[in-house]
Amino acid sequence: DLRCMRAEATRLGKRFVELEAELDSLFAEGKIAPADLEKRIQELASVRGKIRIAHLKAHLAQRKTLTTDQIQKYDTLRGYGVSGEHDLHHHGH
């Protein structure tokens, strides 16, 4: 369900922002040890990966609701080329 995916992405996005703010604060105050830095970066990477998964699952779910003509237009709007390759320079994913 797209609403559930959106809610999950929103929750994860908020968590990502919180983690970044915590890291920035600790770093600015000089209160972060190398081991803690690594742990926090790994957690940030994990949350970012989960956001990416939610985003791409939403794209897959959206495609299931479209007709063939709508999918072609959707692909054009998303920046996919004739070969189906995505233009990463325009959309970042």
PDB file of N, CA and C in Angstrom:
ATOM      1  N   ASP A   1       0.839  -1.183   0.000  1.00  0.00           N
ATOM      2  CA  ASP A   1       0.000   0.000   0.000  1.00  0.00           C
ATOM      3  C   ASP A   1       0.888   1.253   0.000  1.00  0.00           C
ATOM      4  N   LEU A   2       0.605   2.147  -0.920  1.00  0.00           N
ATOM      5  CA  LEU A   2       1.427   3.355  -1.070  1.00  0.00           C
ATOM      6  C   LEU A   2       1.403   4.248   0.169  1.00  0.00           C
ATOM      7  N   ARG A   3       0.262   4.290   0.857  1.00  0.00           N
ATOM      8  CA  ARG A   3       0.195   5.122   2.070  1.00  0.00           C
ATOM      9  C   ARG A   3       1.137   4.600   3.147  1.00  0.00           C
ATOM     10  N   CYS A   4       1.187   3.288   3.287  1.00  0.00           N
ATOM     11  CA  CYS A   4       2.092   2.688   4.280  1.00  0.00           C
ATOM     12  C   CYS A   4       3.545   2.962   3.914  1.00  0.00           C
ATOM     13  N   MET A   5       3.856   2.842   2.609  1.00  0.00           N
ATOM     14  CA  MET A   5       5.218   3.111   2.161  1.00  0.00           C
ATOM     15  C   MET A   5       5.589   4.562   2.406  1.00  0.00           C
ATOM     16  N   ARG A   6       4.651   5.469   2.154  1.00  0.00           N
ATOM     17  CA  ARG A   6       4.905   6.895   2.375  1.00  0.00           C
ATOM     18  C   ARG A   6       5.132   7.171   3.859  1.00  0.00           C
ATOM     19  N   ALA A   7       4.312   6.556   4.704  1.00  0.00           N
ATOM     20  CA  ALA A   7       4.462   6.746   6.147  1.00  0.00           C
ATOM     21  C   ALA A   7       5.810   6.214   6.622  1.00  0.00           C
ATOM     22  N   GLU A   8       6.216   5.061   6.100  1.00  0.00           N
ATOM     23  CA  GLU A   8       7.503   4.479   6.469  1.00  0.00           C
ATOM     24  C   GLU A   8       8.645   5.371   5.990  1.00  0.00           C
ATOM     25  N   ALA A   9       8.566   5.864   4.779  1.00  0.00           N
ATOM     26  CA  ALA A   9       9.617   6.751   4.256  1.00  0.00           C
ATOM     27  C   ALA A   9       9.689   8.034   5.074  1.00  0.00           C
ATOM     28  N   THR A  10       8.554   8.559   5.468  1.00  0.00           N
ATOM     29  CA  THR A  10       8.517   9.776   6.290  1.00  0.00           C
ATOM     30  C   THR A  10       9.152   9.521   7.647  1.00  0.00           C
ATOM     31  N   ARG A  11       8.811   8.397   8.259  1.00  0.00           N
ATOM     32  CA  ARG A  11       9.381   8.041   9.559  1.00  0.00           C
ATOM     33  C   ARG A  11      10.900   7.892   9.440  1.00  0.00           C
ATOM     34  N   LEU A  12      11.332   7.192   8.416  1.00  0.00           N
ATOM     35  CA  LEU A  12      12.764   6.993   8.210  1.00  0.00           C
ATOM     36  C   LEU A  12      13.477   8.310   7.906  1.00  0.00           C
ATOM     37  N   GLY A  13      12.836   9.174   7.128  1.00  0.00           N
ATOM     38  CA  GLY A  13      13.418  10.479   6.825  1.00  0.00           C
ATOM     39  C   GLY A  13      13.622  11.312   8.073  1.00  0.00           C
ATOM     40  N   LYS A  14      12.629  11.300   8.951  1.00  0.00           N
ATOM     41  CA  LYS A  14      12.756  12.038  10.218  1.00  0.00           C
ATOM     42  C   LYS A  14      13.892  11.466  11.053  1.00  0.00           C
ATOM     43  N   ARG A  15      13.992  10.143  11.080  1.00  0.00           N
ATOM     44  CA  ARG A  15      15.071   9.498  11.847  1.00  0.00           C
ATOM     45  C   ARG A  15      16.435   9.877  11.265  1.00  0.00           C
ATOM     46  N   PHE A  16      16.526   9.910   9.949  1.00  0.00           N
ATOM     47  CA  PHE A  16      17.779  10.280   9.294  1.00  0.00           C
ATOM     48  C   PHE A  16      18.186  11.697   9.688  1.00  0.00           C
ATOM     49  N   VAL A  17      17.243  12.617   9.665  1.00  0.00           N
ATOM     50  CA  VAL A  17      17.525  14.013  10.030  1.00  0.00           C
ATOM     51  C   VAL A  17      17.964  14.103  11.495  1.00  0.00           C
ATOM     52  N   GLU A  18      17.296  13.341  12.366  1.00  0.00           N
ATOM     53  CA  GLU A  18      17.683  13.324  13.783  1.00  0.00           C
ATOM     54  C   GLU A  18      19.116  12.824  13.961  1.00  0.00           C
ATOM     55  N   LEU A  19      19.431  11.730  13.284  1.00  0.00           N
ATOM     56  CA  LEU A  19      20.776  11.161  13.388  1.00  0.00           C
ATOM     57  C   LEU A  19      21.836  12.128  12.870  1.00  0.00           C
ATOM     58  N   GLU A  20      21.546  12.793  11.760  1.00  0.00           N
ATOM     59  CA  GLU A  20      22.482  13.781  11.207  1.00  0.00           C
ATOM     60  C   GLU A  20      22.692  14.932  12.180  1.00  0.00           C
ATOM     61  N   ALA A  21      21.608  15.407  12.789  1.00  0.00           N
ATOM     62  CA  ALA A  21      21.710  16.522  13.740  1.00  0.00           C
ATOM     63  C   ALA A  21      22.542  16.119  14.956  1.00  0.00           C
ATOM     64  N   GLU A  22      22.310  14.904  15.453  1.00  0.00           N
ATOM     65  CA  GLU A  22      23.094  14.412  16.588  1.00  0.00           C
ATOM     66  C   GLU A  22      24.574  14.334  16.221  1.00  0.00           C
ATOM     67  N   LEU A  23      24.862  13.787  15.063  1.00  0.00           N
ATOM     68  CA  LEU A  23      26.245  13.654  14.617  1.00  0.00           C
ATOM     69  C   LEU A  23      26.895  15.027  14.460  1.00  0.00           C
ATOM     70  N   ASP A  24      26.194  15.945  13.821  1.00  0.00           N
ATOM     71  CA  ASP A  24      26.725  17.305  13.637  1.00  0.00           C
ATOM     72  C   ASP A  24      27.039  17.955  14.976  1.00  0.00           C
ATOM     73  N   SER A  25      26.126  17.809  15.933  1.00  0.00           N
ATOM     74  CA  SER A  25      26.304  18.407  17.247  1.00  0.00           C
ATOM     75  C   SER A  25      27.516  17.814  17.965  1.00  0.00           C
ATOM     76  N   LEU A  26      27.604  16.485  17.988  1.00  0.00           N
ATOM     77  CA  LEU A  26      28.732  15.825  18.636  1.00  0.00           C
ATOM     78  C   LEU A  26      30.053  16.196  17.967  1.00  0.00           C
ATOM     79  N   PHE A  27      30.035  16.250  16.652  1.00  0.00           N
ATOM     80  CA  PHE A  27      31.246  16.580  15.906  1.00  0.00           C
ATOM     81  C   PHE A  27      31.667  18.019  16.188  1.00  0.00           C
ATOM     82  N   ALA A  28      30.719  18.942  16.175  1.00  0.00           N
ATOM     83  CA  ALA A  28      31.018  20.359  16.420  1.00  0.00           C
ATOM     84  C   ALA A  28      31.562  20.578  17.829  1.00  0.00           C
ATOM     85  N   GLU A  29      31.059  19.802  18.784  1.00  0.00           N
ATOM     86  CA  GLU A  29      31.497  19.933  20.169  1.00  0.00           C
ATOM     87  C   GLU A  29      32.779  19.147  20.443  1.00  0.00           C
ATOM     88  N   GLY A  30      33.245  18.395  19.462  1.00  0.00           N
ATOM     89  CA  GLY A  30      34.445  17.587  19.651  1.00  0.00           C
ATOM     90  C   GLY A  30      34.244  16.458  20.636  1.00  0.00           C
ATOM     91  N   LYS A  31      32.994  15.989  20.748  1.00  0.00           N
ATOM     92  CA  LYS A  31      32.654  14.972  21.742  1.00  0.00           C
ATOM     93  C   LYS A  31      32.395  13.601  21.129  1.00  0.00           C
ATOM     94  N   ILE A  32      33.022  13.304  20.011  1.00  0.00           N
ATOM     95  CA  ILE A  32      32.769  12.020  19.389  1.00  0.00           C
ATOM     96  C   ILE A  32      34.069  11.248  19.224  1.00  0.00           C
ATOM     97  N   ALA A  33      34.048  10.019  19.672  1.00  0.00           N
ATOM     98  CA  ALA A  33      35.206   9.133  19.544  1.00  0.00           C
ATOM     99  C   ALA A  33      35.154   8.448  18.183  1.00  0.00           C
ATOM    100  N   PRO A  34      36.306   8.066  17.644  1.00  0.00           N
ATOM    101  CA  PRO A  34      36.317   7.403  16.336  1.00  0.00           C
ATOM    102  C   PRO A  34      35.384   6.191  16.244  1.00  0.00           C
ATOM    103  N   ALA A  35      35.324   5.375  17.284  1.00  0.00           N
ATOM    104  CA  ALA A  35      34.451   4.192  17.257  1.00  0.00           C
ATOM    105  C   ALA A  35      32.981   4.608  17.200  1.00  0.00           C
ATOM    106  N   ASP A  36      32.630   5.657  17.943  1.00  0.00           N
ATOM    107  CA  ASP A  36      31.249   6.146  17.924  1.00  0.00           C
ATOM    108  C   ASP A  36      30.922   6.767  16.571  1.00  0.00           C
ATOM    109  N   LEU A  37      31.892   7.454  15.996  1.00  0.00           N
ATOM    110  CA  LEU A  37      31.703   8.050  14.674  1.00  0.00           C
ATOM    111  C   LEU A  37      31.367   6.955  13.655  1.00  0.00           C
ATOM    112  N   GLU A  38      32.142   5.891  13.671  1.00  0.00           N
ATOM    113  CA  GLU A  38      31.909   4.796  12.724  1.00  0.00           C
ATOM    114  C   GLU A  38      30.522   4.180  12.932  1.00  0.00           C
ATOM    115  N   LYS A  39      30.157   3.953  14.180  1.00  0.00           N
ATOM    116  CA  LYS A  39      28.842   3.380  14.497  1.00  0.00           C
ATOM    117  C   LYS A  39      27.715   4.281  13.989  1.00  0.00           C
ATOM    118  N   ARG A  40      27.843   5.567  14.213  1.00  0.00           N
ATOM    119  CA  ARG A  40      26.806   6.504  13.795  1.00  0.00           C
ATOM    120  C   ARG A  40      26.714   6.608  12.268  1.00  0.00           C
ATOM    121  N   ILE A  41      27.839   6.595  11.597  1.00  0.00           N
ATOM    122  CA  ILE A  41      27.822   6.651  10.133  1.00  0.00           C
ATOM    123  C   ILE A  41      27.183   5.384   9.571  1.00  0.00           C
ATOM    124  N   GLN A  42      27.483   4.249  10.168  1.00  0.00           N
ATOM    125  CA  GLN A  42      26.867   3.001   9.718  1.00  0.00           C
ATOM    126  C   GLN A  42      25.348   3.033   9.928  1.00  0.00           C
ATOM    127  N   GLU A  43      24.905   3.602  11.044  1.00  0.00           N
ATOM    128  CA  GLU A  43      23.462   3.713  11.288  1.00  0.00           C
ATOM    129  C   GLU A  43      22.816   4.655  10.272  1.00  0.00           C
ATOM    130  N   LEU A  44      23.479   5.767   9.977  1.00  0.00           N
ATOM    131  CA  LEU A  44      22.977   6.687   8.962  1.00  0.00           C
ATOM    132  C   LEU A  44      22.867   5.994   7.604  1.00  0.00           C
ATOM    133  N   ALA A  45      23.889   5.230   7.251  1.00  0.00           N
ATOM    134  CA  ALA A  45      23.885   4.515   5.971  1.00  0.00           C
ATOM    135  C   ALA A  45      22.751   3.490   5.927  1.00  0.00           C
ATOM    136  N   SER A  46      22.511   2.829   7.036  1.00  0.00           N
ATOM    137  CA  SER A  46      21.434   1.844   7.104  1.00  0.00           C
ATOM    138  C   SER A  46      20.066   2.509   6.910  1.00  0.00           C
ATOM    139  N   VAL A  47      19.846   3.617   7.595  1.00  0.00           N
ATOM    140  CA  VAL A  47      18.573   4.331   7.467  1.00  0.00           C
ATOM    141  C   VAL A  47      18.414   4.865   6.046  1.00  0.00           C
ATOM    142  N   ARG A  48      19.480   5.400   5.482  1.00  0.00           N
ATOM    143  CA  ARG A  48      19.411   5.908   4.101  1.00  0.00           C
ATOM    144  C   ARG A  48      19.076   4.771   3.136  1.00  0.00           C
ATOM    145  N   GLY A  49      19.649   3.609   3.351  1.00  0.00           N
ATOM    146  CA  GLY A  49      19.339   2.446   2.521  1.00  0.00           C
ATOM    147  C   GLY A  49      17.880   2.047   2.636  1.00  0.00           C
ATOM    148  N   LYS A  50      17.340   2.106   3.833  1.00  0.00           N
ATOM    149  CA  LYS A  50      15.928   1.770   4.053  1.00  0.00           C
ATOM    150  C   LYS A  50      15.015   2.793   3.370  1.00  0.00           C
ATOM    151  N   ILE A  51      15.426   4.054   3.377  1.00  0.00           N
ATOM    152  CA  ILE A  51      14.654   5.092   2.674  1.00  0.00           C
ATOM    153  C   ILE A  51      14.650   4.784   1.183  1.00  0.00           C
ATOM    154  N   ARG A  52      15.786   4.416   0.660  1.00  0.00           N
ATOM    155  CA  ARG A  52      15.911   4.080  -0.769  1.00  0.00           C
ATOM    156  C   ARG A  52      15.023   2.892  -1.131  1.00  0.00           C
ATOM    157  N   ILE A  53      15.028   1.885  -0.279  1.00  0.00           N
ATOM    158  CA  ILE A  53      14.175   0.711  -0.507  1.00  0.00           C
ATOM    159  C   ILE A  53      12.708   1.123  -0.536  1.00  0.00           C
ATOM    160  N   ALA A  54      12.276   1.925   0.436  1.00  0.00           N
ATOM    161  CA  ALA A  54      10.881   2.372   0.483  1.00  0.00           C
ATOM    162  C   ALA A  54      10.525   3.156  -0.774  1.00  0.00           C
ATOM    163  N   HIS A  55      11.427   4.017  -1.211  1.00  0.00           N
ATOM    164  CA  HIS A  55      11.215   4.841  -2.405  1.00  0.00           C
ATOM    165  C   HIS A  55      11.034   3.957  -3.641  1.00  0.00           C
ATOM    166  N   LEU A  56      11.946   3.017  -3.822  1.00  0.00           N
ATOM    167  CA  LEU A  56      11.886   2.173  -5.013  1.00  0.00           C
ATOM    168  C   LEU A  56      10.712   1.201  -4.971  1.00  0.00           C
ATOM    169  N   LYS A  57      10.343   0.727  -3.784  1.00  0.00           N
ATOM    170  CA  LYS A  57       9.148  -0.114  -3.661  1.00  0.00           C
ATOM    171  C   LYS A  57       7.903   0.670  -4.068  1.00  0.00           C
ATOM    172  N   ALA A  58       7.871   1.943  -3.709  1.00  0.00           N
ATOM    173  CA  ALA A  58       6.735   2.781  -4.097  1.00  0.00           C
ATOM    174  C   ALA A  58       6.664   2.918  -5.614  1.00  0.00           C
ATOM    175  N   HIS A  59       7.815   3.061  -6.260  1.00  0.00           N
ATOM    176  CA  HIS A  59       7.826   3.118  -7.732  1.00  0.00           C
ATOM    177  C   HIS A  59       7.293   1.826  -8.332  1.00  0.00           C
ATOM    178  N   LEU A  60       7.729   0.700  -7.782  1.00  0.00           N
ATOM    179  CA  LEU A  60       7.251  -0.602  -8.289  1.00  0.00           C
ATOM    180  C   LEU A  60       5.745  -0.746  -8.080  1.00  0.00           C
ATOM    181  N   ALA A  61       5.268  -0.351  -6.913  1.00  0.00           N
ATOM    182  CA  ALA A  61       3.836  -0.443  -6.625  1.00  0.00           C
ATOM    183  C   ALA A  61       3.041   0.471  -7.554  1.00  0.00           C
ATOM    184  N   GLN A  62       3.570   1.657  -7.812  1.00  0.00           N
ATOM    185  CA  GLN A  62       2.891   2.613  -8.685  1.00  0.00           C
ATOM    186  C   GLN A  62       2.732   2.039 -10.083  1.00  0.00           C
ATOM    187  N   ARG A  63       3.765   1.394 -10.577  1.00  0.00           N
ATOM    188  CA  ARG A  63       3.732   0.831 -11.929  1.00  0.00           C
ATOM    189  C   ARG A  63       2.624  -0.214 -12.071  1.00  0.00           C
ATOM    190  N   LYS A  64       2.337  -0.939 -10.994  1.00  0.00           N
ATOM    191  CA  LYS A  64       1.303  -1.977 -11.047  1.00  0.00           C
ATOM    192  C   LYS A  64      -0.090  -1.395 -11.265  1.00  0.00           C
ATOM    193  N   THR A  65      -0.253  -0.116 -10.975  1.00  0.00           N
ATOM    194  CA  THR A  65      -1.566   0.518 -11.106  1.00  0.00           C
ATOM    195  C   THR A  65      -1.765   1.200 -12.456  1.00  0.00           C
ATOM    196  N   LEU A  66      -0.724   1.196 -13.293  1.00  0.00           N
ATOM    197  CA  LEU A  66      -0.769   1.944 -14.547  1.00  0.00           C
ATOM    198  C   LEU A  66      -1.005   1.052 -15.759  1.00  0.00           C
ATOM    199  N   THR A  67      -1.568   1.645 -16.793  1.00  0.00           N
ATOM    200  CA  THR A  67      -1.701   0.962 -18.081  1.00  0.00           C
ATOM    201  C   THR A  67      -0.355   1.016 -18.795  1.00  0.00           C
ATOM    202  N   THR A  68      -0.222   0.289 -19.879  1.00  0.00           N
ATOM    203  CA  THR A  68       1.019   0.294 -20.653  1.00  0.00           C
ATOM    204  C   THR A  68       1.359   1.703 -21.133  1.00  0.00           C
ATOM    205  N   ASP A  69       0.365   2.427 -21.630  1.00  0.00           N
ATOM    206  CA  ASP A  69       0.602   3.809 -22.095  1.00  0.00           C
ATOM    207  C   ASP A  69       1.036   4.710 -20.934  1.00  0.00           C
ATOM    208  N   GLN A  70       0.407   4.541 -19.792  1.00  0.00           N
ATOM    209  CA  GLN A  70       0.772   5.342 -18.626  1.00  0.00           C
ATOM    210  C   GLN A  70       2.189   5.021 -18.160  1.00  0.00           C
ATOM    211  N   ILE A  71       2.567   3.750 -18.234  1.00  0.00           N
ATOM    212  CA  ILE A  71       3.920   3.354 -17.846  1.00  0.00           C
ATOM    213  C   ILE A  71       4.942   4.015 -18.765  1.00  0.00           C
ATOM    214  N   GLN A  72       4.653   4.055 -20.063  1.00  0.00           N
ATOM    215  CA  GLN A  72       5.574   4.703 -21.000  1.00  0.00           C
ATOM    216  C   GLN A  72       5.737   6.185 -20.662  1.00  0.00           C
ATOM    217  N   LYS A  73       4.635   6.849 -20.367  1.00  0.00           N
ATOM    218  CA  LYS A  73       4.703   8.265 -20.011  1.00  0.00           C
ATOM    219  C   LYS A  73       5.431   8.444 -18.674  1.00  0.00           C
ATOM    220  N   TYR A  74       5.141   7.584 -17.718  1.00  0.00           N
ATOM    221  CA  TYR A  74       5.795   7.607 -16.411  1.00  0.00           C
ATOM    222  C   TYR A  74       7.305   7.450 -16.577  1.00  0.00           C
ATOM    223  N   ASP A  75       7.698   6.478 -17.407  1.00  0.00           N
ATOM    224  CA  ASP A  75       9.124   6.256 -17.655  1.00  0.00           C
ATOM    225  C   ASP A  75       9.775   7.489 -18.271  1.00  0.00           C
ATOM    226  N   THR A  76       9.081   8.129 -19.205  1.00  0.00           N
ATOM    227  CA  THR A  76       9.598   9.345 -19.827  1.00  0.00           C
ATOM    228  C   THR A  76       9.761  10.446 -18.774  1.00  0.00           C
ATOM    229  N   LEU A  77       8.754  10.625 -17.941  1.00  0.00           N
ATOM    230  CA  LEU A  77       8.806  11.656 -16.908  1.00  0.00           C
ATOM    231  C   LEU A  77       9.882  11.365 -15.865  1.00  0.00           C
ATOM    232  N   ARG A  78      10.145  10.100 -15.597  1.00  0.00           N
ATOM    233  CA  ARG A  78      11.163   9.706 -14.628  1.00  0.00           C
ATOM    234  C   ARG A  78      12.570   9.812 -15.207  1.00  0.00           C
ATOM    235  N   GLY A  79      12.674   9.977 -16.530  1.00  0.00           N
ATOM    236  CA  GLY A  79      13.982  10.139 -17.142  1.00  0.00           C
ATOM    237  C   GLY A  79      14.584   8.869 -17.702  1.00  0.00           C
ATOM    238  N   TYR A  80      13.755   7.842 -17.896  1.00  0.00           N
ATOM    239  CA  TYR A  80      14.259   6.619 -18.493  1.00  0.00           C
ATOM    240  C   TYR A  80      14.409   6.820 -19.991  1.00  0.00           C
ATOM    241  N   GLY A  81      15.495   6.290 -20.548  1.00  0.00           N
ATOM    242  CA  GLY A  81      15.733   6.385 -21.976  1.00  0.00           C
ATOM    243  C   GLY A  81      14.985   5.290 -22.716  1.00  0.00           C
ATOM    244  N   VAL A  82      15.160   5.261 -24.003  1.00  0.00           N
ATOM    245  CA  VAL A  82      14.510   4.265 -24.858  1.00  0.00           C
ATOM    246  C   VAL A  82      14.899   2.858 -24.435  1.00  0.00           C
ATOM    247  N   SER A  83      16.128   2.674 -24.002  1.00  0.00           N
ATOM    248  CA  SER A  83      16.604   1.347 -23.622  1.00  0.00           C
ATOM    249  C   SER A  83      16.124   0.928 -22.242  1.00  0.00           C
ATOM    250  N   GLY A  84      15.438   1.836 -21.523  1.00  0.00           N
ATOM    251  CA  GLY A  84      14.992   1.536 -20.168  1.00  0.00           C
ATOM    252  C   GLY A  84      15.998   1.944 -19.112  1.00  0.00           C
ATOM    253  N   GLU A  85      17.125   2.502 -19.564  1.00  0.00           N
ATOM    254  CA  GLU A  85      18.120   2.946 -18.600  1.00  0.00           C
ATOM    255  C   GLU A  85      17.683   4.268 -18.002  1.00  0.00           C
ATOM    256  N   HIS A  86      17.943   4.422 -16.732  1.00  0.00           N
ATOM    257  CA  HIS A  86      17.550   5.620 -16.015  1.00  0.00           C
ATOM    258  C   HIS A  86      18.658   6.653 -16.112  1.00  0.00           C
ATOM    259  N   ASP A  87      18.278   7.892 -16.304  1.00  0.00           N
ATOM    260  CA  ASP A  87      19.245   8.991 -16.371  1.00  0.00           C
ATOM    261  C   ASP A  87      19.568   9.447 -14.947  1.00  0.00           C
ATOM    262  N   LEU A  88      20.621   8.936 -14.379  1.00  0.00           N
ATOM    263  CA  LEU A  88      20.990   9.221 -12.991  1.00  0.00           C
ATOM    264  C   LEU A  88      21.379  10.674 -12.785  1.00  0.00           C
ATOM    265  N   HIS A  89      21.797  11.338 -13.823  1.00  0.00           N
ATOM    266  CA  HIS A  89      22.237  12.714 -13.669  1.00  0.00           C
ATOM    267  C   HIS A  89      21.082  13.669 -13.396  1.00  0.00           C
ATOM    268  N   HIS A  90      19.885  13.303 -13.806  1.00  0.00           N
ATOM    269  CA  HIS A  90      18.750  14.212 -13.624  1.00  0.00           C
ATOM    270  C   HIS A  90      17.948  13.932 -12.375  1.00  0.00           C
ATOM    271  N   HIS A  91      17.920  12.690 -11.916  1.00  0.00           N
ATOM    272  CA  HIS A  91      17.033  12.353 -10.813  1.00  0.00           C
ATOM    273  C   HIS A  91      17.746  11.836  -9.569  1.00  0.00           C
ATOM    274  N   GLY A  92      18.994  11.497  -9.668  1.00  0.00           N
ATOM    275  CA  GLY A  92      19.729  11.059  -8.505  1.00  0.00           C
ATOM    276  C   GLY A  92      19.399   9.647  -8.045  1.00  0.00           C
ATOM    277  N   HIS A  93      18.647   8.898  -8.824  1.00  0.00           N
ATOM    278  CA  HIS A  93      18.368   7.497  -8.470  1.00  0.00           C
ATOM    279  C   HIS A  93      18.012   6.707  -9.683  1.00  0.00           C
TER     280      HIS A  93
END
